[in-house]
mmCIF file of all heavy atoms, coordinates in Angstrom:
data_MODEL
# 
_entry.id   MODEL 
# 
loop_
_atom_site.group_PDB 
_atom_site.id 
_atom_site.type_symbol 
_atom_site.label_atom_id 
_atom_site.label_alt_id 
_atom_site.label_comp_id 
_atom_site.label_asym_id 
_atom_site.label_entity_id 
_atom_site.label_seq_id 
_atom_site.pdbx_PDB_ins_code 
_atom_site.Cartn_x 
_atom_site.Cartn_y 
_atom_site.Cartn_z 
_atom_site.occupancy 
_atom_site.B_iso_or_equiv 
_atom_site.pdbx_formal_charge 
_atom_site.auth_seq_id 
_atom_site.auth_comp_id 
_atom_site.auth_asym_id 
_atom_site.auth_atom_id 
_atom_site.pdbx_PDB_model_num 
ATOM 1   N N   . ALA A 1 1  ? 7.906   -2.888  12.144  1.00 0.00 ? 1  ALA A N   1 
ATOM 2   C CA  . ALA A 1 1  ? 6.524   -2.473  11.901  1.00 0.00 ? 1  ALA A CA  1 
ATOM 3   C C   . ALA A 1 1  ? 6.161   -2.601  10.428  1.00 0.00 ? 1  ALA A C   1 
ATOM 4   O O   . ALA A 1 1  ? 5.067   -3.055  10.076  1.00 0.00 ? 1  ALA A O   1 
ATOM 5   C CB  . ALA A 1 1  ? 6.321   -1.022  12.365  1.00 0.00 ? 1  ALA A CB  1 
ATOM 6   N N   . ASN A 1 2  ? 7.080   -2.215  9.554   1.00 0.00 ? 2  ASN A N   1 
ATOM 7   C CA  . ASN A 1 2  ? 6.819   -2.335  8.116   1.00 0.00 ? 2  ASN A CA  1 
ATOM 8   C C   . ASN A 1 2  ? 6.648   -3.785  7.703   1.00 0.00 ? 2  ASN A C   1 
ATOM 9   O O   . ASN A 1 2  ? 5.819   -4.115  6.856   1.00 0.00 ? 2  ASN A O   1 
ATOM 10  C CB  . ASN A 1 2  ? 7.961   -1.703  7.316   1.00 0.00 ? 2  ASN A CB  1 
ATOM 11  C CG  . ASN A 1 2  ? 7.946   -0.185  7.390   1.00 0.00 ? 2  ASN A CG  1 
ATOM 12  O OD1 . ASN A 1 2  ? 6.925   0.405   7.745   1.00 0.00 ? 2  ASN A OD1 1 
ATOM 13  N ND2 . ASN A 1 2  ? 9.066   0.436   7.070   1.00 0.00 ? 2  ASN A ND2 1 
ATOM 14  N N   . PHE A 1 3  ? 7.445   -4.669  8.331   1.00 0.00 ? 3  PHE A N   1 
ATOM 15  C CA  . PHE A 1 3  ? 7.341   -6.101  7.999   1.00 0.00 ? 3  PHE A CA  1 
ATOM 16  C C   . PHE A 1 3  ? 6.003   -6.667  8.449   1.00 0.00 ? 3  PHE A C   1 
ATOM 17  O O   . PHE A 1 3  ? 5.310   -7.363  7.702   1.00 0.00 ? 3  PHE A O   1 
ATOM 18  C CB  . PHE A 1 3  ? 8.485   -6.869  8.659   1.00 0.00 ? 3  PHE A CB  1 
ATOM 19  C CG  . PHE A 1 3  ? 8.372   -8.358  8.510   1.00 0.00 ? 3  PHE A CG  1 
ATOM 20  C CD1 . PHE A 1 3  ? 8.726   -8.973  7.322   1.00 0.00 ? 3  PHE A CD1 1 
ATOM 21  C CD2 . PHE A 1 3  ? 7.902   -9.136  9.547   1.00 0.00 ? 3  PHE A CD2 1 
ATOM 22  C CE1 . PHE A 1 3  ? 8.625   -10.348 7.177   1.00 0.00 ? 3  PHE A CE1 1 
ATOM 23  C CE2 . PHE A 1 3  ? 7.784   -10.507 9.411   1.00 0.00 ? 3  PHE A CE2 1 
ATOM 24  C CZ  . PHE A 1 3  ? 8.155   -11.104 8.232   1.00 0.00 ? 3  PHE A CZ  1 
ATOM 25  N N   . VAL A 1 4  ? 5.608   -6.350  9.698   1.00 0.00 ? 4  VAL A N   1 
ATOM 26  C CA  . VAL A 1 4  ? 4.373   -6.905  10.248  1.00 0.00 ? 4  VAL A CA  1 
ATOM 27  C C   . VAL A 1 4  ? 3.152   -6.333  9.552   1.00 0.00 ? 4  VAL A C   1 
ATOM 28  O O   . VAL A 1 4  ? 2.216   -7.038  9.192   1.00 0.00 ? 4  VAL A O   1 
ATOM 29  C CB  . VAL A 1 4  ? 4.298   -6.635  11.775  1.00 0.00 ? 4  VAL A CB  1 
ATOM 30  C CG1 . VAL A 1 4  ? 2.943   -7.051  12.325  1.00 0.00 ? 4  VAL A CG1 1 
ATOM 31  C CG2 . VAL A 1 4  ? 5.416   -7.369  12.489  1.00 0.00 ? 4  VAL A CG2 1 
ATOM 32  N N   . LEU A 1 5  ? 3.158   -5.021  9.323   1.00 0.00 ? 5  LEU A N   1 
ATOM 33  C CA  . LEU A 1 5  ? 1.999   -4.372  8.721   1.00 0.00 ? 5  LEU A CA  1 
ATOM 34  C C   . LEU A 1 5  ? 1.966   -4.503  7.214   1.00 0.00 ? 5  LEU A C   1 
ATOM 35  O O   . LEU A 1 5  ? 0.963   -4.185  6.582   1.00 0.00 ? 5  LEU A O   1 
ATOM 36  C CB  . LEU A 1 5  ? 1.969   -2.881  9.112   1.00 0.00 ? 5  LEU A CB  1 
ATOM 37  C CG  . LEU A 1 5  ? 1.828   -2.605  10.610  1.00 0.00 ? 5  LEU A CG  1 
ATOM 38  C CD1 . LEU A 1 5  ? 1.911   -1.110  10.871  1.00 0.00 ? 5  LEU A CD1 1 
ATOM 39  C CD2 . LEU A 1 5  ? 0.506   -3.156  11.131  1.00 0.00 ? 5  LEU A CD2 1 
ATOM 40  N N   . GLY A 1 6  ? 3.066   -4.945  6.639   1.00 0.00 ? 6  GLY A N   1 
ATOM 41  C CA  . GLY A 1 6  ? 3.071   -5.143  5.199   1.00 0.00 ? 6  GLY A CA  1 
ATOM 42  C C   . GLY A 1 6  ? 3.146   -3.866  4.418   1.00 0.00 ? 6  GLY A C   1 
ATOM 43  O O   . GLY A 1 6  ? 2.466   -3.705  3.405   1.00 0.00 ? 6  GLY A O   1 
ATOM 44  N N   . GLU A 1 7  ? 3.943   -2.901  4.857   1.00 0.00 ? 7  GLU A N   1 
ATOM 45  C CA  . GLU A 1 7  ? 4.062   -1.644  4.127   1.00 0.00 ? 7  GLU A CA  1 
ATOM 46  C C   . GLU A 1 7  ? 4.803   -1.860  2.824   1.00 0.00 ? 7  GLU A C   1 
ATOM 47  O O   . GLU A 1 7  ? 5.583   -2.785  2.666   1.00 0.00 ? 7  GLU A O   1 
ATOM 48  C CB  . GLU A 1 7  ? 4.808   -0.607  4.979   1.00 0.00 ? 7  GLU A CB  1 
ATOM 49  C CG  . GLU A 1 7  ? 4.076   -0.253  6.266   1.00 0.00 ? 7  GLU A CG  1 
ATOM 50  C CD  . GLU A 1 7  ? 2.746   0.430   6.020   1.00 0.00 ? 7  GLU A CD  1 
ATOM 51  O OE1 . GLU A 1 7  ? 2.607   1.058   4.954   1.00 0.00 ? 7  GLU A OE1 1 
ATOM 52  O OE2 . GLU A 1 7  ? 1.850   0.324   6.858   1.00 0.00 ? 7  GLU A OE2 1 
ATOM 53  N N   . GLY A 1 8  ? 4.558   -0.978  1.885   1.00 0.00 ? 8  GLY A N   1 
ATOM 54  C CA  . GLY A 1 8  ? 5.194   -1.053  0.584   1.00 0.00 ? 8  GLY A CA  1 
ATOM 55  C C   . GLY A 1 8  ? 6.548   -0.371  0.597   1.00 0.00 ? 8  GLY A C   1 
ATOM 56  O O   . GLY A 1 8  ? 7.197   -0.242  1.638   1.00 0.00 ? 8  GLY A O   1 
ATOM 57  N N   . PRO A 1 9  ? 7.024   0.106   -0.569  1.00 0.00 ? 9  PRO A N   1 
ATOM 58  C CA  . PRO A 1 9  ? 8.298   0.775   -0.637  1.00 0.00 ? 9  PRO A CA  1 
ATOM 59  C C   . PRO A 1 9  ? 8.299   2.062   0.171   1.00 0.00 ? 9  PRO A C   1 
ATOM 60  O O   . PRO A 1 9  ? 7.256   2.570   0.558   1.00 0.00 ? 9  PRO A O   1 
ATOM 61  C CB  . PRO A 1 9  ? 8.455   1.059   -2.147  1.00 0.00 ? 9  PRO A CB  1 
ATOM 62  C CG  . PRO A 1 9  ? 7.486   0.168   -2.817  1.00 0.00 ? 9  PRO A CG  1 
ATOM 63  C CD  . PRO A 1 9  ? 6.381   -0.046  -1.865  1.00 0.00 ? 9  PRO A CD  1 
ATOM 64  N N   . LYS A 1 10 ? 9.479   2.613   0.416   1.00 0.00 ? 10 LYS A N   1 
ATOM 65  C CA  . LYS A 1 10 ? 9.593   3.839   1.173   1.00 0.00 ? 10 LYS A CA  1 
ATOM 66  C C   . LYS A 1 10 ? 8.868   4.962   0.444   1.00 0.00 ? 10 LYS A C   1 
ATOM 67  O O   . LYS A 1 10 ? 8.875   5.047   -0.780  1.00 0.00 ? 10 LYS A O   1 
ATOM 68  C CB  . LYS A 1 10 ? 11.055  4.212   1.385   1.00 0.00 ? 10 LYS A CB  1 
ATOM 69  C CG  . LYS A 1 10 ? 11.788  3.265   2.329   1.00 0.00 ? 10 LYS A CG  1 
ATOM 70  C CD  . LYS A 1 10 ? 13.203  3.728   2.555   1.00 0.00 ? 10 LYS A CD  1 
ATOM 71  C CE  . LYS A 1 10 ? 13.919  2.807   3.532   1.00 0.00 ? 10 LYS A CE  1 
ATOM 72  N NZ  . LYS A 1 10 ? 15.313  3.236   3.766   1.00 0.00 ? 10 LYS A NZ  1 
ATOM 73  N N   . GLY A 1 11 ? 8.269   5.890   1.212   1.00 0.00 ? 11 GLY A N   1 
ATOM 74  C CA  . GLY A 1 11 ? 7.524   6.971   0.605   1.00 0.00 ? 11 GLY A CA  1 
ATOM 75  C C   . GLY A 1 11 ? 6.060   6.607   0.458   1.00 0.00 ? 11 GLY A C   1 
ATOM 76  O O   . GLY A 1 11 ? 5.681   5.454   0.459   1.00 0.00 ? 11 GLY A O   1 
ATOM 77  N N   . THR A 1 12 ? 5.225   7.649   0.381   1.00 0.00 ? 12 THR A N   1 
ATOM 78  C CA  . THR A 1 12 ? 3.790   7.430   0.239   1.00 0.00 ? 12 THR A CA  1 
ATOM 79  C C   . THR A 1 12 ? 3.437   7.258   -1.228  1.00 0.00 ? 12 THR A C   1 
ATOM 80  O O   . THR A 1 12 ? 3.721   8.145   -2.040  1.00 0.00 ? 12 THR A O   1 
ATOM 81  C CB  . THR A 1 12 ? 3.012   8.625   0.817   1.00 0.00 ? 12 THR A CB  1 
ATOM 82  O OG1 . THR A 1 12 ? 3.386   8.808   2.176   1.00 0.00 ? 12 THR A OG1 1 
ATOM 83  C CG2 . THR A 1 12 ? 1.515   8.374   0.734   1.00 0.00 ? 12 THR A CG2 1 
ATOM 84  N N   . PRO A 1 13 ? 2.828   6.151   -1.618  1.00 0.00 ? 13 PRO A N   1 
ATOM 85  C CA  . PRO A 1 13 ? 2.474   5.954   -3.020  1.00 0.00 ? 13 PRO A CA  1 
ATOM 86  C C   . PRO A 1 13 ? 1.337   6.892   -3.414  1.00 0.00 ? 13 PRO A C   1 
ATOM 87  O O   . PRO A 1 13 ? 0.578   7.356   -2.556  1.00 0.00 ? 13 PRO A O   1 
ATOM 88  C CB  . PRO A 1 13 ? 2.030   4.489   -3.062  1.00 0.00 ? 13 PRO A CB  1 
ATOM 89  C CG  . PRO A 1 13 ? 1.610   4.178   -1.682  1.00 0.00 ? 13 PRO A CG  1 
ATOM 90  C CD  . PRO A 1 13 ? 2.472   5.000   -0.779  1.00 0.00 ? 13 PRO A CD  1 
ATOM 91  N N   . PRO A 1 14 ? 1.178   7.173   -4.704  1.00 0.00 ? 14 PRO A N   1 
ATOM 92  C CA  . PRO A 1 14 ? 0.084   8.030   -5.152  1.00 0.00 ? 14 PRO A CA  1 
ATOM 93  C C   . PRO A 1 14 ? -1.269  7.459   -4.753  1.00 0.00 ? 14 PRO A C   1 
ATOM 94  O O   . PRO A 1 14 ? -1.423  6.260   -4.531  1.00 0.00 ? 14 PRO A O   1 
ATOM 95  C CB  . PRO A 1 14 ? 0.260   8.052   -6.683  1.00 0.00 ? 14 PRO A CB  1 
ATOM 96  C CG  . PRO A 1 14 ? 1.686   7.689   -6.905  1.00 0.00 ? 14 PRO A CG  1 
ATOM 97  C CD  . PRO A 1 14 ? 2.067   6.768   -5.792  1.00 0.00 ? 14 PRO A CD  1 
ATOM 98  N N   . GLU A 1 15 ? -2.272  8.345   -4.685  1.00 0.00 ? 15 GLU A N   1 
ATOM 99  C CA  . GLU A 1 15 ? -3.602  7.933   -4.251  1.00 0.00 ? 15 GLU A CA  1 
ATOM 100 C C   . GLU A 1 15 ? -4.178  6.840   -5.143  1.00 0.00 ? 15 GLU A C   1 
ATOM 101 O O   . GLU A 1 15 ? -4.786  5.885   -4.651  1.00 0.00 ? 15 GLU A O   1 
ATOM 102 C CB  . GLU A 1 15 ? -4.534  9.155   -4.256  1.00 0.00 ? 15 GLU A CB  1 
ATOM 103 C CG  . GLU A 1 15 ? -5.933  8.864   -3.736  1.00 0.00 ? 15 GLU A CG  1 
ATOM 104 C CD  . GLU A 1 15 ? -5.938  8.489   -2.262  1.00 0.00 ? 15 GLU A CD  1 
ATOM 105 O OE1 . GLU A 1 15 ? -5.023  8.916   -1.522  1.00 0.00 ? 15 GLU A OE1 1 
ATOM 106 O OE2 . GLU A 1 15 ? -6.848  7.739   -1.865  1.00 0.00 ? 15 GLU A OE2 1 
ATOM 107 N N   . ARG A 1 16 ? -3.975  6.952   -6.444  1.00 0.00 ? 16 ARG A N   1 
ATOM 108 C CA  . ARG A 1 16 ? -4.510  5.933   -7.358  1.00 0.00 ? 16 ARG A CA  1 
ATOM 109 C C   . ARG A 1 16 ? -3.858  4.580   -7.133  1.00 0.00 ? 16 ARG A C   1 
ATOM 110 O O   . ARG A 1 16 ? -4.506  3.544   -7.252  1.00 0.00 ? 16 ARG A O   1 
ATOM 111 C CB  . ARG A 1 16 ? -4.317  6.376   -8.810  1.00 0.00 ? 16 ARG A CB  1 
ATOM 112 C CG  . ARG A 1 16 ? -5.359  7.369   -9.291  1.00 0.00 ? 16 ARG A CG  1 
ATOM 113 C CD  . ARG A 1 16 ? -5.200  7.619   -10.760 1.00 0.00 ? 16 ARG A CD  1 
ATOM 114 N NE  . ARG A 1 16 ? -3.869  8.135   -11.063 1.00 0.00 ? 16 ARG A NE  1 
ATOM 115 C CZ  . ARG A 1 16 ? -3.339  8.136   -12.279 1.00 0.00 ? 16 ARG A CZ  1 
ATOM 116 N NH1 . ARG A 1 16 ? -4.000  7.613   -13.288 1.00 0.00 ? 16 ARG A NH1 1 
ATOM 117 N NH2 . ARG A 1 16 ? -2.144  8.642   -12.496 1.00 0.00 ? 16 ARG A NH2 1 
ATOM 118 N N   . VAL A 1 17 ? -2.559  4.585   -6.808  1.00 0.00 ? 17 VAL A N   1 
ATOM 119 C CA  . VAL A 1 17 ? -1.864  3.329   -6.532  1.00 0.00 ? 17 VAL A CA  1 
ATOM 120 C C   . VAL A 1 17 ? -2.436  2.683   -5.270  1.00 0.00 ? 17 VAL A C   1 
ATOM 121 O O   . VAL A 1 17 ? -2.722  1.477   -5.239  1.00 0.00 ? 17 VAL A O   1 
ATOM 122 C CB  . VAL A 1 17 ? -0.350  3.566   -6.389  1.00 0.00 ? 17 VAL A CB  1 
ATOM 123 C CG1 . VAL A 1 17 ? 0.355   2.288   -5.962  1.00 0.00 ? 17 VAL A CG1 1 
ATOM 124 C CG2 . VAL A 1 17 ? 0.233   4.074   -7.702  1.00 0.00 ? 17 VAL A CG2 1 
ATOM 125 N N   . ARG A 1 18 ? -2.640  3.483   -4.253  1.00 0.00 ? 18 ARG A N   1 
ATOM 126 C CA  . ARG A 1 18 ? -3.211  2.937   -3.018  1.00 0.00 ? 18 ARG A CA  1 
ATOM 127 C C   . ARG A 1 18 ? -4.632  2.419   -3.243  1.00 0.00 ? 18 ARG A C   1 
ATOM 128 O O   . ARG A 1 18 ? -5.030  1.394   -2.691  1.00 0.00 ? 18 ARG A O   1 
ATOM 129 C CB  . ARG A 1 18 ? -3.205  4.011   -1.926  1.00 0.00 ? 18 ARG A CB  1 
ATOM 130 C CG  . ARG A 1 18 ? -1.828  4.242   -1.305  1.00 0.00 ? 18 ARG A CG  1 
ATOM 131 C CD  . ARG A 1 18 ? -1.879  5.237   -0.186  1.00 0.00 ? 18 ARG A CD  1 
ATOM 132 N NE  . ARG A 1 18 ? -2.124  6.586   -0.700  1.00 0.00 ? 18 ARG A NE  1 
ATOM 133 C CZ  . ARG A 1 18 ? -2.357  7.643   0.072   1.00 0.00 ? 18 ARG A CZ  1 
ATOM 134 N NH1 . ARG A 1 18 ? -2.402  7.491   1.375   1.00 0.00 ? 18 ARG A NH1 1 
ATOM 135 N NH2 . ARG A 1 18 ? -2.543  8.831   -0.451  1.00 0.00 ? 18 ARG A NH2 1 
ATOM 136 N N   . TRP A 1 19 ? -5.403  3.119   -4.082  1.00 0.00 ? 19 TRP A N   1 
ATOM 137 C CA  . TRP A 1 19 ? -6.757  2.677   -4.377  1.00 0.00 ? 19 TRP A CA  1 
ATOM 138 C C   . TRP A 1 19 ? -6.750  1.341   -5.105  1.00 0.00 ? 19 TRP A C   1 
ATOM 139 O O   . TRP A 1 19 ? -7.546  0.449   -4.792  1.00 0.00 ? 19 TRP A O   1 
ATOM 140 C CB  . TRP A 1 19 ? -7.464  3.735   -5.229  1.00 0.00 ? 19 TRP A CB  1 
ATOM 141 C CG  . TRP A 1 19 ? -8.894  3.379   -5.536  1.00 0.00 ? 19 TRP A CG  1 
ATOM 142 C CD1 . TRP A 1 19 ? -9.990  3.576   -4.742  1.00 0.00 ? 19 TRP A CD1 1 
ATOM 143 C CD2 . TRP A 1 19 ? -9.377  2.741   -6.725  1.00 0.00 ? 19 TRP A CD2 1 
ATOM 144 N NE1 . TRP A 1 19 ? -11.128 3.104   -5.360  1.00 0.00 ? 19 TRP A NE1 1 
ATOM 145 C CE2 . TRP A 1 19 ? -10.785 2.585   -6.585  1.00 0.00 ? 19 TRP A CE2 1 
ATOM 146 C CE3 . TRP A 1 19 ? -8.772  2.305   -7.898  1.00 0.00 ? 19 TRP A CE3 1 
ATOM 147 C CZ2 . TRP A 1 19 ? -11.571 2.007   -7.565  1.00 0.00 ? 19 TRP A CZ2 1 
ATOM 148 C CZ3 . TRP A 1 19 ? -9.557  1.716   -8.880  1.00 0.00 ? 19 TRP A CZ3 1 
ATOM 149 C CH2 . TRP A 1 19 ? -10.941 1.577   -8.712  1.00 0.00 ? 19 TRP A CH2 1 
ATOM 150 N N   . LEU A 1 20 ? -5.836  1.180   -6.051  1.00 0.00 ? 20 LEU A N   1 
ATOM 151 C CA  . LEU A 1 20 ? -5.732  -0.090  -6.777  1.00 0.00 ? 20 LEU A CA  1 
ATOM 152 C C   . LEU A 1 20 ? -5.320  -1.228  -5.851  1.00 0.00 ? 20 LEU A C   1 
ATOM 153 O O   . LEU A 1 20 ? -5.817  -2.351  -5.960  1.00 0.00 ? 20 LEU A O   1 
ATOM 154 C CB  . LEU A 1 20 ? -4.731  0.048   -7.925  1.00 0.00 ? 20 LEU A CB  1 
ATOM 155 C CG  . LEU A 1 20 ? -5.183  0.884   -9.129  1.00 0.00 ? 20 LEU A CG  1 
ATOM 156 C CD1 . LEU A 1 20 ? -4.028  1.090   -10.112 1.00 0.00 ? 20 LEU A CD1 1 
ATOM 157 C CD2 . LEU A 1 20 ? -6.363  0.226   -9.831  1.00 0.00 ? 20 LEU A CD2 1 
ATOM 158 N N   . ILE A 1 21 ? -4.412  -0.935  -4.913  1.00 0.00 ? 21 ILE A N   1 
ATOM 159 C CA  . ILE A 1 21 ? -3.995  -1.952  -3.945  1.00 0.00 ? 21 ILE A CA  1 
ATOM 160 C C   . ILE A 1 21 ? -5.173  -2.364  -3.069  1.00 0.00 ? 21 ILE A C   1 
ATOM 161 O O   . ILE A 1 21 ? -5.404  -3.559  -2.809  1.00 0.00 ? 21 ILE A O   1 
ATOM 162 C CB  . ILE A 1 21 ? -2.834  -1.427  -3.076  1.00 0.00 ? 21 ILE A CB  1 
ATOM 163 C CG1 . ILE A 1 21 ? -1.580  -1.190  -3.913  1.00 0.00 ? 21 ILE A CG1 1 
ATOM 164 C CG2 . ILE A 1 21 ? -2.541  -2.402  -1.939  1.00 0.00 ? 21 ILE A CG2 1 
ATOM 165 C CD1 . ILE A 1 21 ? -0.977  -2.450  -4.495  1.00 0.00 ? 21 ILE A CD1 1 
ATOM 166 N N   . VAL A 1 22 ? -5.946  -1.365  -2.604  1.00 0.00 ? 22 VAL A N   1 
ATOM 167 C CA  . VAL A 1 22 ? -7.116  -1.659  -1.773  1.00 0.00 ? 22 VAL A CA  1 
ATOM 168 C C   . VAL A 1 22 ? -8.125  -2.510  -2.538  1.00 0.00 ? 22 VAL A C   1 
ATOM 169 O O   . VAL A 1 22 ? -8.714  -3.453  -1.984  1.00 0.00 ? 22 VAL A O   1 
ATOM 170 C CB  . VAL A 1 22 ? -7.771  -0.351  -1.279  1.00 0.00 ? 22 VAL A CB  1 
ATOM 171 C CG1 . VAL A 1 22 ? -9.132  -0.629  -0.635  1.00 0.00 ? 22 VAL A CG1 1 
ATOM 172 C CG2 . VAL A 1 22 ? -6.861  0.343   -0.282  1.00 0.00 ? 22 VAL A CG2 1 
ATOM 173 N N   . GLU A 1 23 ? -8.324  -2.205  -3.813  1.00 0.00 ? 23 GLU A N   1 
ATOM 174 C CA  . GLU A 1 23 ? -9.249  -2.995  -4.626  1.00 0.00 ? 23 GLU A CA  1 
ATOM 175 C C   . GLU A 1 23 ? -8.783  -4.447  -4.739  1.00 0.00 ? 23 GLU A C   1 
ATOM 176 O O   . GLU A 1 23 ? -9.589  -5.383  -4.662  1.00 0.00 ? 23 GLU A O   1 
ATOM 177 C CB  . GLU A 1 23 ? -9.379  -2.379  -6.019  1.00 0.00 ? 23 GLU A CB  1 
ATOM 178 C CG  . GLU A 1 23 ? -10.216 -1.126  -6.070  1.00 0.00 ? 23 GLU A CG  1 
ATOM 179 C CD  . GLU A 1 23 ? -11.651 -1.367  -5.632  1.00 0.00 ? 23 GLU A CD  1 
ATOM 180 O OE1 . GLU A 1 23 ? -12.308 -2.256  -6.220  1.00 0.00 ? 23 GLU A OE1 1 
ATOM 181 O OE2 . GLU A 1 23 ? -12.099 -0.710  -4.675  1.00 0.00 ? 23 GLU A OE2 1 
ATOM 182 N N   . GLN A 1 24 ? -7.499  -4.627  -4.903  1.00 0.00 ? 24 GLN A N   1 
ATOM 183 C CA  . GLN A 1 24 ? -6.966  -5.990  -4.964  1.00 0.00 ? 24 GLN A CA  1 
ATOM 184 C C   . GLN A 1 24 ? -7.164  -6.715  -3.634  1.00 0.00 ? 24 GLN A C   1 
ATOM 185 O O   . GLN A 1 24 ? -7.479  -7.908  -3.609  1.00 0.00 ? 24 GLN A O   1 
ATOM 186 C CB  . GLN A 1 24 ? -5.479  -5.949  -5.330  1.00 0.00 ? 24 GLN A CB  1 
ATOM 187 C CG  . GLN A 1 24 ? -5.196  -5.568  -6.769  1.00 0.00 ? 24 GLN A CG  1 
ATOM 188 C CD  . GLN A 1 24 ? -5.747  -6.582  -7.761  1.00 0.00 ? 24 GLN A CD  1 
ATOM 189 O OE1 . GLN A 1 24 ? -5.730  -7.781  -7.497  1.00 0.00 ? 24 GLN A OE1 1 
ATOM 190 N NE2 . GLN A 1 24 ? -6.243  -6.103  -8.884  1.00 0.00 ? 24 GLN A NE2 1 
ATOM 191 N N   . GLN A 1 25 ? -6.997  -5.985  -2.522  1.00 0.00 ? 25 GLN A N   1 
ATOM 192 C CA  . GLN A 1 25 ? -7.169  -6.605  -1.207  1.00 0.00 ? 25 GLN A CA  1 
ATOM 193 C C   . GLN A 1 25 ? -8.618  -7.006  -0.972  1.00 0.00 ? 25 GLN A C   1 
ATOM 194 O O   . GLN A 1 25 ? -8.896  -8.057  -0.370  1.00 0.00 ? 25 GLN A O   1 
ATOM 195 C CB  . GLN A 1 25 ? -6.709  -5.640  -0.100  1.00 0.00 ? 25 GLN A CB  1 
ATOM 196 C CG  . GLN A 1 25 ? -5.253  -5.194  -0.212  1.00 0.00 ? 25 GLN A CG  1 
ATOM 197 C CD  . GLN A 1 25 ? -4.273  -6.318  0.081   1.00 0.00 ? 25 GLN A CD  1 
ATOM 198 O OE1 . GLN A 1 25 ? -4.518  -7.477  -0.239  1.00 0.00 ? 25 GLN A OE1 1 
ATOM 199 N NE2 . GLN A 1 25 ? -3.153  -5.980  0.669   1.00 0.00 ? 25 GLN A NE2 1 
ATOM 200 N N   . VAL A 1 26 ? -9.553  -6.166  -1.427  1.00 0.00 ? 26 VAL A N   1 
ATOM 201 C CA  . VAL A 1 26 ? -10.974 -6.492  -1.276  1.00 0.00 ? 26 VAL A CA  1 
ATOM 202 C C   . VAL A 1 26 ? -11.308 -7.765  -2.056  1.00 0.00 ? 26 VAL A C   1 
ATOM 203 O O   . VAL A 1 26 ? -11.987 -8.675  -1.549  1.00 0.00 ? 26 VAL A O   1 
ATOM 204 C CB  . VAL A 1 26 ? -11.854 -5.320  -1.749  1.00 0.00 ? 26 VAL A CB  1 
ATOM 205 C CG1 . VAL A 1 26 ? -13.326 -5.746  -1.832  1.00 0.00 ? 26 VAL A CG1 1 
ATOM 206 C CG2 . VAL A 1 26 ? -11.712 -4.131  -0.809  1.00 0.00 ? 26 VAL A CG2 1 
# 
């Protein structure tokens, strides 16, 4: 599931990190 969905490292990244990733994806 992690491979297909493209999850990052283990553990939940900080909110700002996830926001920056989302901005890059957009």
